[in-house]
Amino acid sequence: MDGPAPEMIQHSAGLRQISAQRFYGDPTKAKTVKSLGFRVRPYVDRMQLPAEIRKAISSYIAALLVRHPNYLAKLAAFHHDGAHRRKR
């Protein structure tokens, strides 16, 4: 494993307080997310992570987006389309 995965797994292995919260998403965005290959569920699992682990994960994802520009383009288009719809 590379990136922040080993540290996150080690931290979350002992984590007992994972909570599920109901999520009411935008059906249009749900369709877009499904088309990108993600599963859309009616809830979101939440857990507390220390700042250093969150930073490691965000840096790792940023590096992946830079190495794979197609993902970055899809992500930018997704957020642009959502912002455009909210302005109407």
C-alpha atoms as a PDB file:
ATOM      1  CA  MET A   1       0.000   0.000   0.000  1.00  0.00           C
ATOM      2  CA  ASP A   2       1.126   3.481  -0.718  1.00  0.00           C
ATOM      3  CA  GLY A   3       0.115   6.967   0.301  1.00  0.00           C
ATOM      4  CA  PRO A   4      -1.775   7.554   3.534  1.00  0.00           C
ATOM      5  CA  ALA A   5      -3.551   4.162   3.502  1.00  0.00           C
ATOM      6  CA  PRO A   6      -1.397   2.344   6.091  1.00  0.00           C
ATOM      7  CA  GLU A   7      -1.625   5.191   8.610  1.00  0.00           C
ATOM      8  CA  MET A   8      -5.369   5.592   8.097  1.00  0.00           C
ATOM      9  CA  ILE A   9      -6.007   1.854   8.410  1.00  0.00           C
ATOM     10  CA  GLN A  10      -3.967   1.720  11.587  1.00  0.00           C
ATOM     11  CA  HIS A  11      -5.896   4.668  13.029  1.00  0.00           C
ATOM     12  CA  SER A  12      -9.350   3.468  11.980  1.00  0.00           C
ATOM     13  CA  ALA A  13      -8.808  -0.167  13.017  1.00  0.00           C
ATOM     14  CA  GLY A  14      -9.355   0.773  16.647  1.00  0.00           C
ATOM     15  CA  LEU A  15     -12.061   3.313  15.886  1.00  0.00           C
ATOM     16  CA  ARG A  16     -15.362   2.329  17.412  1.00  0.00           C
ATOM     17  CA  GLN A  17     -17.390   5.468  16.856  1.00  0.00           C
ATOM     18  CA  ILE A  18     -18.470   5.438  13.244  1.00  0.00           C
ATOM     19  CA  SER A  19     -21.870   7.053  12.826  1.00  0.00           C
ATOM     20  CA  ALA A  20     -24.309   6.826   9.940  1.00  0.00           C
ATOM     21  CA  GLN A  21     -26.192   9.999   9.076  1.00  0.00           C
ATOM     22  CA  ARG A  22     -29.119  10.265   6.678  1.00  0.00           C
ATOM     23  CA  PHE A  23     -28.205  12.001   3.428  1.00  0.00           C
ATOM     24  CA  TYR A  24     -30.658  13.726   1.087  1.00  0.00           C
ATOM     25  CA  GLY A  25     -28.716  14.396  -2.073  1.00  0.00           C
ATOM     26  CA  ASP A  26     -29.546  16.119  -5.322  1.00  0.00           C
ATOM     27  CA  PRO A  27     -31.009  13.448  -7.677  1.00  0.00           C
ATOM     28  CA  THR A  28     -29.264  15.004 -10.681  1.00  0.00           C
ATOM     29  CA  LYS A  29     -25.875  14.848  -8.969  1.00  0.00           C
ATOM     30  CA  ALA A  30     -26.645  11.304  -7.799  1.00  0.00           C
ATOM     31  CA  LYS A  31     -27.148  10.296 -11.436  1.00  0.00           C
ATOM     32  CA  THR A  32     -23.829  11.928 -12.391  1.00  0.00           C
ATOM     33  CA  VAL A  33     -21.987  10.242  -9.534  1.00  0.00           C
ATOM     34  CA  LYS A  34     -23.478   6.869 -10.498  1.00  0.00           C
ATOM     35  CA  SER A  35     -22.297   7.417 -14.074  1.00  0.00           C
ATOM     36  CA  LEU A  36     -18.759   7.855 -12.696  1.00  0.00           C
ATOM     37  CA  GLY A  37     -19.000   4.421 -11.070  1.00  0.00           C
ATOM     38  CA  PHE A  38     -19.843   5.324  -7.470  1.00  0.00           C
ATOM     39  CA  ARG A  39     -22.612   3.805  -5.378  1.00  0.00           C
ATOM     40  CA  VAL A  40     -25.158   6.284  -4.049  1.00  0.00           C
ATOM     41  CA  ARG A  41     -26.573   5.421  -0.644  1.00  0.00           C
ATOM     42  CA  PRO A  42     -29.155   7.175   1.525  1.00  0.00           C
ATOM     43  CA  TYR A  43     -26.665   7.666   4.339  1.00  0.00           C
ATOM     44  CA  VAL A  44     -23.119   8.841   4.973  1.00  0.00           C
ATOM     45  CA  ASP A  45     -20.713   7.149   7.394  1.00  0.00           C
ATOM     46  CA  ARG A  46     -18.777   9.623   9.505  1.00  0.00           C
ATOM     47  CA  MET A  47     -15.707   9.192  11.664  1.00  0.00           C
ATOM     48  CA  GLN A  48     -13.313  11.573  13.341  1.00  0.00           C
ATOM     49  CA  LEU A  49      -9.827  11.754  11.845  1.00  0.00           C
ATOM     50  CA  PRO A  50      -6.904  13.756  13.182  1.00  0.00           C
ATOM     51  CA  ALA A  51      -5.786  16.736  11.094  1.00  0.00           C
ATOM     52  CA  GLU A  52      -2.531  15.053  10.023  1.00  0.00           C
ATOM     53  CA  ILE A  53      -4.395  12.076   8.530  1.00  0.00           C
ATOM     54  CA  ARG A  54      -6.893  14.358   6.738  1.00  0.00           C
ATOM     55  CA  LYS A  55      -3.951  16.356   5.331  1.00  0.00           C
ATOM     56  CA  ALA A  56      -2.198  13.175   4.156  1.00  0.00           C
ATOM     57  CA  ILE A  57      -5.357  11.945   2.430  1.00  0.00           C
ATOM     58  CA  SER A  58      -6.066  15.280   0.720  1.00  0.00           C
ATOM     59  CA  SER A  59      -2.461  15.522  -0.508  1.00  0.00           C
ATOM     60  CA  TYR A  60      -2.635  11.971  -1.867  1.00  0.00           C
ATOM     61  CA  ILE A  61      -5.914  12.659  -3.712  1.00  0.00           C
ATOM     62  CA  ALA A  62      -4.509  15.907  -5.116  1.00  0.00           C
ATOM     63  CA  ALA A  63      -1.493  14.011  -6.442  1.00  0.00           C
ATOM     64  CA  LEU A  64      -3.774  11.413  -8.061  1.00  0.00           C
ATOM     65  CA  LEU A  65      -5.809  14.137  -9.764  1.00  0.00           C
ATOM     66  CA  VAL A  66      -2.660  15.739 -11.148  1.00  0.00           C
ATOM     67  CA  ARG A  67      -1.421  12.405 -12.495  1.00  0.00           C
ATOM     68  CA  HIS A  68      -4.791  11.551 -14.035  1.00  0.00           C
ATOM     69  CA  PRO A  69      -6.137  14.759 -15.624  1.00  0.00           C
ATOM     70  CA  ASN A  70      -9.297  13.076 -16.932  1.00  0.00           C
ATOM     71  CA  TYR A  71     -10.507  12.660 -13.343  1.00  0.00           C
ATOM     72  CA  LEU A  72      -9.713  16.288 -12.625  1.00  0.00           C
ATOM     73  CA  ALA A  73     -11.655  17.406 -15.717  1.00  0.00           C
ATOM     74  CA  LYS A  74     -14.689  15.320 -14.673  1.00  0.00           C
ATOM     75  CA  LEU A  75     -14.524  16.687 -11.128  1.00  0.00           C
ATOM     76  CA  ALA A  76     -14.240  20.288 -12.347  1.00  0.00           C
ATOM     77  CA  ALA A  77     -17.160  19.818 -14.769  1.00  0.00           C
ATOM     78  CA  PHE A  78     -19.287  18.253 -12.036  1.00  0.00           C
ATOM     79  CA  HIS A  79     -18.752  21.224  -9.715  1.00  0.00           C
ATOM     80  CA  HIS A  80     -19.108  23.767 -12.528  1.00  0.00           C
ATOM     81  CA  ASP A  81     -22.446  22.262 -13.618  1.00  0.00           C
ATOM     82  CA  GLY A  82     -23.742  22.280 -10.033  1.00  0.00           C
ATOM     83  CA  ALA A  83     -22.716  25.918  -9.510  1.00  0.00           C
ATOM     84  CA  HIS A  84     -24.302  26.907 -12.814  1.00  0.00           C
ATOM     85  CA  ARG A  85     -27.644  25.294 -11.819  1.00  0.00           C
ATOM     86  CA  ARG A  86     -27.648  27.025  -8.399  1.00  0.00           C
ATOM     87  CA  LYS A  87     -27.269  30.485 -10.010  1.00  0.00           C
ATOM     88  CA  ARG A  88     -30.465  30.150 -12.049  1.00  0.00           C
END
